Amino acid sequence: MRECMAAIPTMSLGHEASGYTMEVKLRAAATAGFKGIEASYLLQVPANFRLDPGITGDQDKIVADLQELADVGAKESPPIRFVYEAMCWSTFNYTWQQGWDIVQRVDRPNVGCVLDAFHIGGWEYADPTAPTCERPDAQQRVQKSLNELVKLVPGDRIFYIQLCDAERLDIPLSPLGATEPSSSPYHVEGQQPRMSWSRNC
């Protein structure tokens, strides 16, 4: 059985503007039981979330780009590994199923999945534009999704897991393109509501 190390990404440590230096933040992370920060030889590639015409949903192109990246990384010593992350606000690939499909098609040993609790729950369970902040049949959707994940994705293709949460909003965000903007302080005009929710909760 492979050993798992609890680590924290540096972006989760907050900004220095909060008054805490990196040294203080790392000490706090160590006190909380984290044994490291981002792995130097493991890079995360998120699915694109731009909304302008400058990106492509051509899955063959996405696969080819990741194959090229993987081949470059494989030549390094030690080899660089990559994880492809389908984020719940990505423009084209926004579910773990879509992310896993890309990883399989890339078919490189140094490319795997990252599973993020926020992105899985943020798509299957939550809807920050709904008054309840939940999708219909939210519990059943999550259970079905996780059952499918266990059946389809081998453990050695999951390079790491992120555990993130979010608060239930008092004021729902408005859907992208809505004529009436939300009065929520988390509303960002022209930004996917799930992204605004993630960045502020």
Protein backbone atom coordinates (compact mmCIF):
# COMPACT_ATOMS: atom_id res chain seq x y z
CA MET A 1 0.00 0.00 0.00
CA ARG A 2 1.34 3.41 -0.95
CA GLU A 3 1.82 5.97 1.83
CA CYS A 4 -0.19 9.16 1.57
CA MET A 5 1.33 12.40 2.80
CA ALA A 6 -0.92 15.21 3.97
CA ALA A 7 0.16 18.37 2.16
CA ILE A 8 -1.27 21.83 1.66
CA PRO A 9 -1.04 24.01 -1.48
CA THR A 10 0.65 27.35 -0.89
CA MET A 11 -2.36 29.19 -2.36
CA SER A 12 -4.42 27.85 0.56
CA LEU A 13 -2.11 29.56 3.04
CA GLY A 14 -3.58 32.97 2.27
CA HIS A 15 -1.97 36.21 1.18
CA GLU A 16 0.89 37.96 2.96
CA ALA A 17 -1.38 41.00 3.09
CA SER A 18 -3.19 39.19 5.92
CA GLY A 19 -0.22 40.08 8.11
CA TYR A 20 1.35 36.63 8.31
CA THR A 21 4.68 35.75 6.73
CA MET A 22 5.22 32.49 4.83
CA GLU A 23 7.28 31.20 7.78
CA VAL A 24 4.37 31.74 10.17
CA LYS A 25 1.93 30.10 7.75
CA LEU A 26 4.14 27.05 7.26
CA ARG A 27 4.53 26.64 11.03
CA ALA A 28 0.74 26.78 11.38
CA ALA A 29 0.34 24.19 8.61
CA ALA A 30 2.84 21.89 10.35
CA THR A 31 1.03 22.30 13.67
CA ALA A 32 -2.19 21.26 11.91
CA GLY A 33 -0.53 18.04 10.76
CA PHE A 34 0.48 18.89 7.21
CA LYS A 35 3.86 17.38 6.32
CA GLY A 36 4.59 19.33 3.17
CA ILE A 37 3.46 21.76 0.54
CA GLU A 38 3.06 21.35 -3.22
CA ALA A 39 5.17 18.56 -4.70
CA SER A 40 7.96 19.99 -6.86
CA TYR A 41 7.67 17.31 -9.53
CA LEU A 42 3.90 17.17 -9.77
CA LEU A 43 2.17 19.92 -11.74
CA GLN A 44 -1.54 20.55 -12.00
CA VAL A 45 -3.11 21.42 -15.35
CA PRO A 46 -6.66 22.77 -14.97
CA ALA A 47 -9.26 22.54 -17.70
CA ASN A 48 -9.67 25.96 -19.28
CA PHE A 49 -12.41 28.21 -17.89
CA ARG A 50 -12.16 31.18 -20.23
CA LEU A 51 -15.42 32.25 -21.82
CA ASP A 52 -14.09 34.07 -24.87
CA PRO A 53 -13.66 32.50 -28.34
CA GLY A 54 -9.92 32.10 -27.78
CA ILE A 55 -10.15 28.55 -26.42
CA THR A 56 -11.16 25.25 -27.97
CA GLY A 57 -13.42 22.42 -26.93
CA ASP A 58 -11.73 20.11 -29.43
CA GLN A 59 -10.91 17.11 -27.26
CA ASP A 60 -8.35 15.79 -29.75
CA LYS A 61 -6.45 19.07 -29.49
CA ILE A 62 -6.57 19.00 -25.69
CA VAL A 63 -5.28 15.42 -25.67
CA ALA A 64 -2.48 16.24 -28.14
CA ASP A 65 -1.36 19.25 -26.08
CA LEU A 66 -1.25 17.18 -22.88
CA GLN A 67 0.67 14.39 -24.64
CA GLU A 68 3.26 16.90 -25.78
CA LEU A 69 3.52 18.33 -22.26
CA ALA A 70 3.81 14.84 -20.75
CA ASP A 71 6.58 13.85 -23.15
CA VAL A 72 8.58 16.97 -22.30
CA GLY A 73 8.12 16.31 -18.57
CA ALA A 74 9.11 12.66 -18.91
CA LYS A 75 12.58 13.68 -20.13
CA GLU A 76 13.37 15.48 -16.88
CA SER A 77 15.23 13.84 -14.00
CA PRO A 78 13.30 13.03 -11.93
CA PRO A 79 10.39 12.92 -14.41
CA ILE A 80 7.66 15.51 -13.94
CA ARG A 81 4.17 14.16 -13.44
CA PHE A 82 1.01 16.05 -14.35
CA VAL A 83 -2.58 15.94 -13.18
CA TYR A 84 -5.45 17.12 -15.32
CA GLU A 85 -8.21 18.76 -13.31
CA ALA A 86 -11.75 19.17 -14.59
CA MET A 87 -13.08 22.05 -12.50
CA CYS A 88 -16.79 22.49 -11.93
CA TRP A 89 -16.67 25.91 -13.63
CA SER A 90 -14.52 24.86 -16.59
CA THR A 91 -15.91 25.74 -20.00
CA PHE A 92 -15.81 22.28 -21.58
CA ASN A 93 -14.46 19.62 -19.20
CA TYR A 94 -16.16 20.19 -15.84
CA THR A 95 -16.80 16.70 -14.40
CA TRP A 96 -14.37 14.09 -13.13
CA GLN A 97 -15.73 11.73 -15.83
CA GLN A 98 -14.63 14.15 -18.55
CA GLY A 99 -11.26 14.61 -16.86
CA TRP A 100 -10.76 10.84 -16.59
CA ASP A 101 -11.64 10.43 -20.26
CA ILE A 102 -8.93 12.93 -21.19
CA VAL A 103 -6.35 11.20 -18.96
CA GLN A 104 -7.13 7.83 -20.55
CA ARG A 105 -6.81 9.25 -24.04
CA VAL A 106 -3.52 10.98 -23.22
CA ASP A 107 -2.26 7.53 -22.20
CA ARG A 108 1.00 8.58 -20.57
CA PRO A 109 2.25 7.10 -17.26
CA ASN A 110 3.12 10.56 -15.94
CA VAL A 111 -0.38 11.97 -16.47
CA GLY A 112 -3.11 11.20 -13.96
CA CYS A 113 -6.12 12.62 -12.18
CA VAL A 114 -6.58 14.96 -9.27
CA LEU A 115 -9.88 14.57 -7.46
CA ASP A 116 -11.11 17.72 -5.74
CA ALA A 117 -13.99 17.42 -3.29
CA PHE A 118 -15.10 20.95 -4.17
CA HIS A 119 -15.33 20.27 -7.89
CA ILE A 120 -17.16 16.97 -7.48
CA GLY A 121 -19.56 18.36 -4.89
CA GLY A 122 -19.71 21.71 -6.62
CA TRP A 123 -21.09 20.07 -9.75
CA GLU A 124 -23.05 17.07 -8.51
CA TYR A 125 -24.45 18.45 -5.27
CA ALA A 126 -24.32 22.22 -5.22
CA ASP A 127 -25.79 25.04 -7.25
CA PRO A 128 -24.81 28.47 -5.90
CA THR A 129 -27.53 30.10 -8.03
CA ALA A 130 -30.33 28.11 -6.33
CA PRO A 131 -32.10 29.42 -3.21
CA THR A 132 -31.18 26.21 -1.34
CA CYS A 133 -27.66 26.15 -2.84
CA GLU A 134 -28.40 22.54 -3.83
CA ARG A 135 -29.28 20.73 -7.03
CA PRO A 136 -32.45 18.61 -7.13
CA ASP A 137 -31.65 15.08 -5.88
CA ALA A 138 -28.25 16.32 -4.71
CA GLN A 139 -27.52 13.42 -2.35
CA GLN A 140 -28.41 10.80 -4.96
CA ARG A 141 -26.31 12.55 -7.60
CA VAL A 142 -23.22 12.55 -5.38
CA GLN A 143 -23.67 8.92 -4.36
CA LYS A 144 -24.10 7.80 -7.95
CA SER A 145 -21.06 9.80 -9.04
CA LEU A 146 -18.82 8.40 -6.30
CA ASN A 147 -19.96 4.83 -6.94
CA GLU A 148 -19.08 5.29 -10.60
CA LEU A 149 -15.70 6.78 -9.71
CA VAL A 150 -14.76 3.81 -7.52
CA LYS A 151 -15.67 1.39 -10.30
CA LEU A 152 -13.97 3.20 -13.17
CA VAL A 153 -10.80 4.93 -11.94
CA PRO A 154 -7.89 2.77 -10.72
CA GLY A 155 -6.24 4.11 -7.58
CA ASP A 156 -2.83 4.40 -9.22
CA ARG A 157 -4.24 6.85 -11.77
CA ILE A 158 -5.26 9.25 -8.98
CA PHE A 159 -2.10 11.19 -8.26
CA TYR A 160 -3.58 13.24 -5.44
CA ILE A 161 -6.79 14.34 -3.75
CA GLN A 162 -7.83 17.83 -2.67
CA LEU A 163 -10.24 18.27 0.21
CA CYS A 164 -11.97 21.65 -0.04
CA ASP A 165 -15.32 22.90 1.12
CA ALA A 166 -17.51 26.00 0.79
CA GLU A 167 -20.17 27.75 2.79
CA ARG A 168 -23.87 27.66 2.03
CA LEU A 169 -24.70 31.09 0.62
CA ASP A 170 -27.27 33.32 2.29
CA ILE A 171 -27.80 35.15 -0.98
CA PRO A 172 -27.65 33.04 -4.16
CA LEU A 173 -25.40 34.11 -7.00
CA SER A 174 -26.97 34.94 -10.34
CA PRO A 175 -26.47 32.61 -13.32
CA LEU A 176 -23.94 33.70 -15.90
CA GLY A 177 -25.60 36.12 -18.32
CA ALA A 178 -28.54 36.92 -16.04
CA THR A 179 -30.15 40.30 -16.63
CA GLU A 180 -30.46 40.94 -12.89
CA PRO A 181 -27.13 40.63 -11.05
CA SER A 182 -27.09 39.04 -7.63
CA SER A 183 -26.84 41.31 -4.59
CA SER A 184 -24.39 38.84 -3.05
CA PRO A 185 -21.01 40.37 -2.15
CA TYR A 186 -19.49 37.35 -3.91
CA HIS A 187 -21.04 38.19 -7.27
CA VAL A 188 -18.47 38.94 -10.00
CA GLU A 189 -19.89 40.16 -13.29
CA GLY A 190 -18.97 37.93 -16.23
CA GLN A 191 -17.57 35.16 -14.07
CA GLN A 192 -18.94 31.63 -13.66
CA PRO A 193 -20.92 31.58 -10.39
CA ARG A 194 -19.23 28.41 -9.16
CA MET A 195 -15.85 30.09 -9.65
CA SER A 196 -16.99 33.20 -7.75
CA TRP A 197 -18.27 30.93 -4.99
CA SER A 198 -14.99 29.01 -4.78
CA ARG A 199 -12.85 32.13 -4.69
CA ASN A 200 -14.79 33.73 -1.83
CA CYS A 201 -16.00 30.90 0.39
